[in-house]
Amino acid sequence: VQLVESGGGLVQPGGSLTLSCAASGFTLSSRVMYWVRQAPGQELEWLSSIYPSTNTAYLPSVEGRFTTSRDDAKSILYLQMNDLKTEDTAVYYCATSSRGRDRGQGTQVTVSS
């Protein structure tokens, strides 16, 4: 299993970013996949899950702002983030468990004016 996150950056409050996670070594569509994040000095936090059925679940504080999707043909997982807030600043990871199993190096998202 290899997961490589990308797409982070610096964005102003209220802005948007789309993160990508390139998956290899397994069939993405057959697994429940997760996005998690870790803010400075904080523990890893589960954000969202996407199931093989493409059903999704979200942390309440991001529901309605974040959307998880995947492209099975390309084996890429996405996290569309809208209306970003300063408290969304963190390193973002995709993973094969809600606790961050198999996560990659992560991608930094900084929300600041």
C-alpha atoms as a PDB file:
ATOM      1  CA  VAL A   1       0.000   0.000   0.000  1.00  0.00           C
ATOM      2  CA  GLN A   2       1.295   3.414  -0.950  1.00  0.00           C
ATOM      3  CA  LEU A   3      -0.541   6.688  -0.522  1.00  0.00           C
ATOM      4  CA  VAL A   4       0.779  10.043  -1.756  1.00  0.00           C
ATOM      5  CA  GLU A   5      -1.053  13.215  -0.813  1.00  0.00           C
ATOM      6  CA  SER A   6      -0.800  16.512  -2.689  1.00  0.00           C
ATOM      7  CA  GLY A   7      -2.616  19.771  -3.305  1.00  0.00           C
ATOM      8  CA  GLY A   8      -2.081  21.628  -0.060  1.00  0.00           C
ATOM      9  CA  GLY A   9      -1.037  25.240   0.219  1.00  0.00           C
ATOM     10  CA  LEU A  10      -1.717  28.628   1.716  1.00  0.00           C
ATOM     11  CA  VAL A  11      -5.265  29.914   1.388  1.00  0.00           C
ATOM     12  CA  GLN A  12      -7.226  32.775   2.908  1.00  0.00           C
ATOM     13  CA  PRO A  13     -10.177  32.154   5.198  1.00  0.00           C
ATOM     14  CA  GLY A  14     -13.226  31.384   3.113  1.00  0.00           C
ATOM     15  CA  GLY A  15     -11.114  29.955   0.320  1.00  0.00           C
ATOM     16  CA  SER A  16     -11.062  26.509  -1.230  1.00  0.00           C
ATOM     17  CA  LEU A  17      -8.563  23.751  -1.922  1.00  0.00           C
ATOM     18  CA  THR A  18      -8.773  20.290  -3.404  1.00  0.00           C
ATOM     19  CA  LEU A  19      -6.440  17.646  -2.044  1.00  0.00           C
ATOM     20  CA  SER A  20      -5.518  14.516  -3.955  1.00  0.00           C
ATOM     21  CA  CYS A  21      -4.289  11.154  -2.771  1.00  0.00           C
ATOM     22  CA  ALA A  22      -2.723   8.806  -5.301  1.00  0.00           C
ATOM     23  CA  ALA A  23      -3.169   5.224  -4.183  1.00  0.00           C
ATOM     24  CA  SER A  24      -1.190   2.215  -5.358  1.00  0.00           C
ATOM     25  CA  GLY A  25      -0.643  -1.365  -4.336  1.00  0.00           C
ATOM     26  CA  PHE A  26      -4.318  -2.136  -3.843  1.00  0.00           C
ATOM     27  CA  THR A  27      -7.709  -1.567  -5.431  1.00  0.00           C
ATOM     28  CA  LEU A  28      -8.980   1.763  -4.161  1.00  0.00           C
ATOM     29  CA  SER A  29     -12.622   1.004  -4.832  1.00  0.00           C
ATOM     30  CA  SER A  30     -12.561  -2.098  -2.652  1.00  0.00           C
ATOM     31  CA  ARG A  31     -11.497  -0.331   0.543  1.00  0.00           C
ATOM     32  CA  VAL A  32     -12.983   2.124   2.954  1.00  0.00           C
ATOM     33  CA  MET A  33     -10.696   5.141   2.700  1.00  0.00           C
ATOM     34  CA  TYR A  34     -10.195   7.966   5.132  1.00  0.00           C
ATOM     35  CA  TRP A  35      -8.968  11.527   5.340  1.00  0.00           C
ATOM     36  CA  VAL A  36      -7.366  12.552   8.606  1.00  0.00           C
ATOM     37  CA  ARG A  37      -5.448  15.633   9.685  1.00  0.00           C
ATOM     38  CA  GLN A  38      -3.042  16.707  12.363  1.00  0.00           C
ATOM     39  CA  ALA A  39      -2.810  20.273  13.564  1.00  0.00           C
ATOM     40  CA  PRO A  40       0.307  21.493  15.385  1.00  0.00           C
ATOM     41  CA  GLY A  41       0.409  20.067  18.873  1.00  0.00           C
ATOM     42  CA  GLN A  42      -2.776  18.092  18.322  1.00  0.00           C
ATOM     43  CA  GLU A  43      -3.556  14.433  17.840  1.00  0.00           C
ATOM     44  CA  LEU A  44      -4.527  12.934  14.530  1.00  0.00           C
ATOM     45  CA  GLU A  45      -8.162  13.733  13.771  1.00  0.00           C
ATOM     46  CA  TRP A  46     -10.525  11.750  11.530  1.00  0.00           C
ATOM     47  CA  LEU A  47     -12.275  13.931   8.941  1.00  0.00           C
ATOM     48  CA  SER A  48     -14.105  11.710   6.513  1.00  0.00           C
ATOM     49  CA  SER A  49     -14.671   8.217   5.201  1.00  0.00           C
ATOM     50  CA  ILE A  50     -15.681   6.969   1.792  1.00  0.00           C
ATOM     51  CA  TYR A  51     -16.990   3.448   1.426  1.00  0.00           C
ATOM     52  CA  PRO A  52     -16.834   1.085  -1.549  1.00  0.00           C
ATOM     53  CA  SER A  53     -20.452   2.003  -2.191  1.00  0.00           C
ATOM     54  CA  THR A  54     -19.255   5.674  -2.365  1.00  0.00           C
ATOM     55  CA  ASN A  55     -21.313   6.522   0.687  1.00  0.00           C
ATOM     56  CA  THR A  56     -19.498   9.066   2.823  1.00  0.00           C
ATOM     57  CA  ALA A  57     -19.313  10.196   6.426  1.00  0.00           C
ATOM     58  CA  TYR A  58     -17.862  13.393   7.872  1.00  0.00           C
ATOM     59  CA  LEU A  59     -16.719  14.959  11.088  1.00  0.00           C
ATOM     60  CA  PRO A  60     -19.570  17.328  12.017  1.00  0.00           C
ATOM     61  CA  SER A  61     -17.329  20.399  11.962  1.00  0.00           C
ATOM     62  CA  VAL A  62     -16.437  19.825   8.292  1.00  0.00           C
ATOM     63  CA  GLU A  63     -19.707  18.395   7.015  1.00  0.00           C
ATOM     64  CA  GLY A  64     -21.163  20.661   4.375  1.00  0.00           C
ATOM     65  CA  ARG A  65     -17.762  22.235   3.722  1.00  0.00           C
ATOM     66  CA  PHE A  66     -15.652  19.187   2.798  1.00  0.00           C
ATOM     67  CA  THR A  67     -16.474  16.572   0.176  1.00  0.00           C
ATOM     68  CA  THR A  68     -14.689  13.251  -0.306  1.00  0.00           C
ATOM     69  CA  SER A  69     -14.751  11.516  -3.642  1.00  0.00           C
ATOM     70  CA  ARG A  70     -12.646   9.124  -5.652  1.00  0.00           C
ATOM     71  CA  ASP A  71     -11.753   8.315  -9.232  1.00  0.00           C
ATOM     72  CA  ASP A  72     -11.491   4.542  -9.369  1.00  0.00           C
ATOM     73  CA  ALA A  73     -10.030   4.493 -12.865  1.00  0.00           C
ATOM     74  CA  LYS A  74      -7.164   6.744 -11.784  1.00  0.00           C
ATOM     75  CA  SER A  75      -6.987   5.322  -8.256  1.00  0.00           C
ATOM     76  CA  ILE A  76      -7.117   8.796  -6.759  1.00  0.00           C
ATOM     77  CA  LEU A  77      -8.952   9.954  -3.666  1.00  0.00           C
ATOM     78  CA  TYR A  78      -9.998  13.603  -3.364  1.00  0.00           C
ATOM     79  CA  LEU A  79     -10.929  15.989  -0.596  1.00  0.00           C
ATOM     80  CA  GLN A  80     -12.649  19.144  -1.800  1.00  0.00           C
ATOM     81  CA  MET A  81     -12.506  21.765   0.947  1.00  0.00           C
ATOM     82  CA  ASN A  82     -14.621  24.912   0.817  1.00  0.00           C
ATOM     83  CA  ASP A  83     -15.130  27.820   3.200  1.00  0.00           C
ATOM     84  CA  LEU A  84     -11.839  27.073   4.895  1.00  0.00           C
ATOM     85  CA  LYS A  85     -11.280  28.389   8.410  1.00  0.00           C
ATOM     86  CA  THR A  86      -8.094  29.139  10.303  1.00  0.00           C
ATOM     87  CA  GLU A  87      -8.779  26.113  12.480  1.00  0.00           C
ATOM     88  CA  ASP A  88      -8.502  23.908   9.389  1.00  0.00           C
ATOM     89  CA  THR A  89      -4.756  24.557   9.332  1.00  0.00           C
ATOM     90  CA  ALA A  90      -3.075  21.155   9.590  1.00  0.00           C
ATOM     91  CA  VAL A  91      -1.206  18.452   7.723  1.00  0.00           C
ATOM     92  CA  TYR A  92      -3.750  16.382   5.813  1.00  0.00           C
ATOM     93  CA  TYR A  93      -3.390  12.666   5.115  1.00  0.00           C
ATOM     94  CA  CYS A  94      -5.320   9.955   3.369  1.00  0.00           C
ATOM     95  CA  ALA A  95      -5.251   6.600   5.097  1.00  0.00           C
ATOM     96  CA  THR A  96      -6.674   3.101   5.212  1.00  0.00           C
ATOM     97  CA  SER A  97      -8.026   3.512   8.728  1.00  0.00           C
ATOM     98  CA  SER A  98      -9.506   6.299  10.801  1.00  0.00           C
ATOM     99  CA  ARG A  99      -6.349   6.230  12.884  1.00  0.00           C
ATOM    100  CA  GLY A 100      -4.116   6.985   9.931  1.00  0.00           C
ATOM    101  CA  ARG A 101      -2.857   3.560   8.935  1.00  0.00           C
ATOM    102  CA  ASP A 102      -0.680   3.556   5.790  1.00  0.00           C
ATOM    103  CA  ARG A 103      -0.823   7.335   5.505  1.00  0.00           C
ATOM    104  CA  GLY A 104       1.707   9.083   3.324  1.00  0.00           C
ATOM    105  CA  GLN A 105       3.848  12.116   4.003  1.00  0.00           C
ATOM    106  CA  GLY A 106       0.833  14.384   4.081  1.00  0.00           C
ATOM    107  CA  THR A 107       0.184  17.768   2.557  1.00  0.00           C
ATOM    108  CA  GLN A 108       0.229  21.019   4.517  1.00  0.00           C
ATOM    109  CA  VAL A 109      -2.848  23.228   4.466  1.00  0.00           C
ATOM    110  CA  THR A 110      -2.462  26.675   5.978  1.00  0.00           C
ATOM    111  CA  VAL A 111      -5.472  28.950   6.278  1.00  0.00           C
ATOM    112  CA  SER A 112      -4.418  32.479   7.073  1.00  0.00           C
ATOM    113  CA  SER A 113      -5.077  36.033   6.030  1.00  0.00           C
END
